[in-house]
Amino acid sequence: MEIQFSKNLKKYLELNNLSLTEFSGMLKVPTSTVHGWVNGIPPRNILILKKIADLLGISMDELCFEKRDSGLEKIKNLESHIIVEHDKERYKVVLLKV
């Protein structure tokens, strides 16, 4: 399963009529940071992923993964890894689709 964070973030910003500047203000991060996110550089902090999802009113699953229409697909190898930083330490987070 491929992480679709940048694509999904851009989609949900458009659906909510939010500019990069407005959204960066809501998150209290530089506009250049949000610009990087929509252009393929995901956040390194898992807490910011949660905050982004909450502000957009979606789940982290909706934010990070491609939505599939078929409920009949086999659940196999649906795991992704993200490297995040928290308190200056790096962690490998395993996201499992359940």
N, C-alpha and C. Protein backbone atom coordinates (compact mmCIF):
# COMPACT_ATOMS: atom_id res chain seq x y z
N MET A 1 0.85 -1.17 0.00
CA MET A 1 0.00 0.00 0.00
C MET A 1 0.89 1.23 0.00
N GLU A 2 0.59 2.13 -0.84
CA GLU A 2 1.41 3.32 -0.98
C GLU A 2 0.82 4.47 -0.16
N ILE A 3 1.68 5.21 0.48
CA ILE A 3 1.25 6.39 1.22
C ILE A 3 0.83 7.45 0.21
N GLN A 4 -0.33 8.02 0.42
CA GLN A 4 -0.88 9.03 -0.48
C GLN A 4 -1.05 10.37 0.22
N PHE A 5 -0.22 10.63 1.23
CA PHE A 5 -0.40 11.81 2.07
C PHE A 5 -0.48 13.10 1.26
N SER A 6 0.49 13.38 0.42
CA SER A 6 0.55 14.66 -0.30
C SER A 6 -0.67 14.86 -1.18
N LYS A 7 -1.03 13.83 -1.92
CA LYS A 7 -2.18 13.89 -2.81
C LYS A 7 -3.47 14.12 -2.01
N ASN A 8 -3.62 13.39 -0.91
CA ASN A 8 -4.82 13.52 -0.10
C ASN A 8 -4.89 14.87 0.60
N LEU A 9 -3.76 15.35 1.11
CA LEU A 9 -3.74 16.65 1.76
C LEU A 9 -4.21 17.73 0.79
N LYS A 10 -3.67 17.71 -0.40
CA LYS A 10 -4.06 18.70 -1.41
C LYS A 10 -5.56 18.61 -1.70
N LYS A 11 -6.07 17.39 -1.83
CA LYS A 11 -7.49 17.18 -2.12
C LYS A 11 -8.37 17.75 -1.00
N TYR A 12 -8.03 17.44 0.25
CA TYR A 12 -8.86 17.90 1.36
C TYR A 12 -8.73 19.40 1.63
N LEU A 13 -7.58 19.98 1.32
CA LEU A 13 -7.46 21.44 1.41
C LEU A 13 -8.38 22.10 0.39
N GLU A 14 -8.41 21.55 -0.82
CA GLU A 14 -9.29 22.10 -1.86
C GLU A 14 -10.76 21.91 -1.48
N LEU A 15 -11.12 20.74 -0.97
CA LEU A 15 -12.51 20.48 -0.56
C LEU A 15 -12.97 21.43 0.54
N ASN A 16 -12.04 21.84 1.40
CA ASN A 16 -12.36 22.75 2.50
C ASN A 16 -12.09 24.22 2.15
N ASN A 17 -11.75 24.46 0.89
CA ASN A 17 -11.45 25.83 0.42
C ASN A 17 -10.41 26.52 1.30
N LEU A 18 -9.36 25.80 1.62
CA LEU A 18 -8.29 26.34 2.44
C LEU A 18 -7.04 26.56 1.60
N SER A 19 -6.48 27.73 1.71
CA SER A 19 -5.19 27.99 1.04
C SER A 19 -4.07 27.43 1.91
N LEU A 20 -2.90 27.30 1.33
CA LEU A 20 -1.74 26.84 2.09
C LEU A 20 -1.44 27.81 3.24
N THR A 21 -1.60 29.10 2.98
CA THR A 21 -1.35 30.11 4.00
C THR A 21 -2.34 30.01 5.15
N GLU A 22 -3.61 29.85 4.82
CA GLU A 22 -4.63 29.71 5.87
C GLU A 22 -4.36 28.47 6.72
N PHE A 23 -4.07 27.37 6.04
CA PHE A 23 -3.87 26.11 6.76
C PHE A 23 -2.60 26.17 7.61
N SER A 24 -1.56 26.78 7.09
CA SER A 24 -0.32 26.90 7.88
C SER A 24 -0.57 27.74 9.13
N GLY A 25 -1.42 28.75 9.02
CA GLY A 25 -1.78 29.56 10.19
C GLY A 25 -2.54 28.75 11.22
N MET A 26 -3.43 27.89 10.77
CA MET A 26 -4.19 27.03 11.68
C MET A 26 -3.27 26.07 12.43
N LEU A 27 -2.24 25.60 11.75
CA LEU A 27 -1.30 24.64 12.34
C LEU A 27 -0.13 25.32 13.06
N LYS A 28 0.01 26.62 12.84
CA LYS A 28 1.13 27.38 13.39
C LYS A 28 2.48 26.84 12.90
N VAL A 29 2.55 26.60 11.58
CA VAL A 29 3.79 26.20 10.93
C VAL A 29 4.00 27.13 9.73
N PRO A 30 5.22 27.26 9.25
CA PRO A 30 5.47 28.11 8.08
C PRO A 30 4.72 27.62 6.84
N THR A 31 4.28 28.54 6.01
CA THR A 31 3.61 28.20 4.76
C THR A 31 4.49 27.31 3.90
N SER A 32 5.79 27.55 3.94
CA SER A 32 6.72 26.74 3.15
C SER A 32 6.69 25.27 3.58
N THR A 33 6.41 25.02 4.85
CA THR A 33 6.31 23.64 5.34
C THR A 33 5.10 22.95 4.72
N VAL A 34 3.95 23.62 4.72
CA VAL A 34 2.74 23.05 4.13
C VAL A 34 2.94 22.88 2.62
N HIS A 35 3.60 23.83 2.01
CA HIS A 35 3.90 23.74 0.58
C HIS A 35 4.72 22.49 0.29
N GLY A 36 5.69 22.21 1.13
CA GLY A 36 6.50 20.99 0.97
C GLY A 36 5.65 19.74 1.12
N TRP A 37 4.71 19.75 2.08
CA TRP A 37 3.85 18.58 2.28
C TRP A 37 3.01 18.26 1.05
N VAL A 38 2.43 19.28 0.42
CA VAL A 38 1.59 19.01 -0.75
C VAL A 38 2.43 18.68 -1.98
N ASN A 39 3.73 18.92 -1.88
CA ASN A 39 4.63 18.61 -2.99
C ASN A 39 5.51 17.39 -2.73
N GLY A 40 5.08 16.53 -1.80
CA GLY A 40 5.75 15.24 -1.67
C GLY A 40 6.66 15.03 -0.48
N ILE A 41 6.77 16.02 0.41
CA ILE A 41 7.62 15.86 1.59
C ILE A 41 6.71 15.71 2.81
N PRO A 42 6.47 14.47 3.27
CA PRO A 42 5.54 14.28 4.38
C PRO A 42 6.12 14.78 5.70
N PRO A 43 5.25 15.12 6.64
CA PRO A 43 5.75 15.52 7.96
C PRO A 43 6.48 14.38 8.65
N ARG A 44 7.42 14.71 9.48
CA ARG A 44 8.18 13.68 10.20
C ARG A 44 7.59 13.40 11.58
N ASN A 45 6.68 14.22 12.01
CA ASN A 45 6.14 14.11 13.35
C ASN A 45 4.74 13.52 13.29
N ILE A 46 4.52 12.39 13.94
CA ILE A 46 3.23 11.72 13.92
C ILE A 46 2.14 12.60 14.55
N LEU A 47 2.53 13.43 15.51
CA LEU A 47 1.54 14.30 16.15
C LEU A 47 1.00 15.34 15.18
N ILE A 48 1.82 15.81 14.26
CA ILE A 48 1.34 16.79 13.28
C ILE A 48 0.40 16.10 12.29
N LEU A 49 0.66 14.83 11.96
CA LEU A 49 -0.28 14.10 11.10
C LEU A 49 -1.66 14.03 11.75
N LYS A 50 -1.69 13.75 13.04
CA LYS A 50 -2.95 13.68 13.77
C LYS A 50 -3.64 15.04 13.79
N LYS A 51 -2.88 16.10 14.02
CA LYS A 51 -3.44 17.45 14.05
C LYS A 51 -4.01 17.84 12.69
N ILE A 52 -3.30 17.50 11.61
CA ILE A 52 -3.77 17.79 10.25
C ILE A 52 -5.10 17.08 10.00
N ALA A 53 -5.15 15.79 10.33
CA ALA A 53 -6.38 15.01 10.12
C ALA A 53 -7.53 15.61 10.93
N ASP A 54 -7.27 15.96 12.17
CA ASP A 54 -8.32 16.54 13.02
C ASP A 54 -8.84 17.86 12.45
N LEU A 55 -7.92 18.73 12.02
CA LEU A 55 -8.34 20.02 11.46
C LEU A 55 -9.16 19.86 10.19
N LEU A 56 -8.86 18.82 9.41
CA LEU A 56 -9.59 18.58 8.16
C LEU A 56 -10.84 17.74 8.39
N GLY A 57 -11.04 17.25 9.62
CA GLY A 57 -12.22 16.45 9.94
C GLY A 57 -12.22 15.07 9.31
N ILE A 58 -11.02 14.50 9.17
CA ILE A 58 -10.88 13.17 8.57
C ILE A 58 -10.01 12.30 9.46
N SER A 59 -9.98 11.02 9.16
CA SER A 59 -9.14 10.10 9.92
C SER A 59 -7.71 10.13 9.35
N MET A 60 -6.77 9.63 10.14
CA MET A 60 -5.40 9.53 9.64
C MET A 60 -5.34 8.55 8.47
N ASP A 61 -6.20 7.55 8.49
CA ASP A 61 -6.28 6.60 7.38
C ASP A 61 -6.67 7.32 6.09
N GLU A 62 -7.69 8.18 6.17
CA GLU A 62 -8.11 8.94 4.99
C GLU A 62 -7.02 9.90 4.54
N LEU A 63 -6.28 10.44 5.48
CA LEU A 63 -5.22 11.39 5.15
C LEU A 63 -4.02 10.71 4.49
N CYS A 64 -3.69 9.50 4.96
CA CYS A 64 -2.44 8.87 4.53
C CYS A 64 -2.56 7.83 3.43
N PHE A 65 -3.75 7.26 3.24
CA PHE A 65 -3.87 6.15 2.31
C PHE A 65 -4.86 6.43 1.19
N GLU A 66 -4.69 5.70 0.12
CA GLU A 66 -5.60 5.78 -1.02
C GLU A 66 -6.89 5.04 -0.65
N LYS A 67 -8.01 5.70 -0.86
CA LYS A 67 -9.29 5.07 -0.57
C LYS A 67 -9.62 4.11 -1.72
N ARG A 68 -10.02 2.92 -1.35
CA ARG A 68 -10.37 1.91 -2.35
C ARG A 68 -11.87 1.71 -2.32
N ASP A 69 -12.46 1.58 -3.50
CA ASP A 69 -13.91 1.45 -3.60
C ASP A 69 -14.39 0.03 -3.34
N SER A 70 -13.61 -0.95 -3.65
CA SER A 70 -14.04 -2.33 -3.51
C SER A 70 -13.83 -2.82 -2.09
N GLY A 71 -14.93 -3.18 -1.45
CA GLY A 71 -14.84 -3.73 -0.11
C GLY A 71 -14.49 -5.21 -0.13
N LEU A 72 -14.35 -5.78 -1.31
CA LEU A 72 -14.10 -7.21 -1.43
C LEU A 72 -12.64 -7.56 -1.66
N GLU A 73 -11.79 -6.54 -1.74
CA GLU A 73 -10.38 -6.85 -2.01
C GLU A 73 -9.76 -7.58 -0.82
N LYS A 74 -8.81 -8.40 -1.11
CA LYS A 74 -8.15 -9.17 -0.07
C LYS A 74 -7.27 -8.26 0.77
N ILE A 75 -7.32 -8.47 2.05
CA ILE A 75 -6.46 -7.71 2.95
C ILE A 75 -5.15 -8.47 3.07
N LYS A 76 -4.16 -7.97 2.37
CA LYS A 76 -2.87 -8.63 2.32
C LYS A 76 -1.80 -7.57 2.09
N ASN A 77 -0.75 -7.63 2.86
CA ASN A 77 0.37 -6.69 2.71
C ASN A 77 -0.08 -5.24 2.79
N LEU A 78 -1.03 -4.95 3.64
CA LEU A 78 -1.52 -3.58 3.76
C LEU A 78 -0.82 -2.89 4.94
N GLU A 79 0.45 -2.72 4.76
CA GLU A 79 1.22 -2.07 5.82
C GLU A 79 2.18 -1.09 5.19
N SER A 80 2.35 0.05 5.85
CA SER A 80 3.26 1.08 5.38
C SER A 80 4.10 1.55 6.55
N HIS A 81 5.24 2.10 6.24
CA HIS A 81 6.16 2.57 7.26
C HIS A 81 6.41 4.06 7.06
N ILE A 82 6.43 4.78 8.14
CA ILE A 82 6.75 6.20 8.11
C ILE A 82 7.83 6.42 9.16
N ILE A 83 8.83 7.20 8.83
CA ILE A 83 9.84 7.59 9.80
C ILE A 83 9.42 8.95 10.34
N VAL A 84 9.28 9.06 11.65
CA VAL A 84 8.85 10.31 12.28
C VAL A 84 9.86 10.72 13.34
N GLU A 85 9.84 12.00 13.65
CA GLU A 85 10.69 12.51 14.71
C GLU A 85 9.82 13.03 15.83
N HIS A 86 10.25 12.76 17.05
CA HIS A 86 9.57 13.28 18.23
C HIS A 86 10.62 13.48 19.30
N ASP A 87 10.67 14.66 19.85
CA ASP A 87 11.67 14.99 20.87
C ASP A 87 13.08 14.65 20.40
N LYS A 88 13.37 15.00 19.16
CA LYS A 88 14.70 14.82 18.55
C LYS A 88 15.13 13.36 18.41
N GLU A 89 14.17 12.44 18.49
CA GLU A 89 14.46 11.04 18.26
C GLU A 89 13.66 10.58 17.05
N ARG A 90 14.21 9.63 16.31
CA ARG A 90 13.53 9.12 15.11
C ARG A 90 12.89 7.78 15.44
N TYR A 91 11.66 7.60 14.91
CA TYR A 91 10.91 6.37 15.12
C TYR A 91 10.38 5.86 13.79
N LYS A 92 10.34 4.57 13.66
CA LYS A 92 9.70 3.96 12.50
C LYS A 92 8.30 3.55 12.95
N VAL A 93 7.29 4.16 12.33
CA VAL A 93 5.91 3.87 12.66
C VAL A 93 5.35 2.95 11.58
N VAL A 94 4.75 1.88 11.99
CA VAL A 94 4.14 0.93 11.06
C VAL A 94 2.65 1.17 11.09
N LEU A 95 2.10 1.54 9.93
CA LEU A 95 0.66 1.73 9.81
C LEU A 95 0.06 0.51 9.16
N LEU A 96 -0.91 -0.08 9.84
CA LEU A 96 -1.57 -1.28 9.33
C LEU A 96 -3.00 -0.95 8.97
N LYS A 97 -3.42 -1.31 7.81
CA LYS A 97 -4.81 -1.16 7.40
C LYS A 97 -5.59 -2.29 8.01
N VAL A 98 -6.58 -1.97 8.83
CA VAL A 98 -7.38 -3.02 9.47
C VAL A 98 -8.83 -2.91 9.06
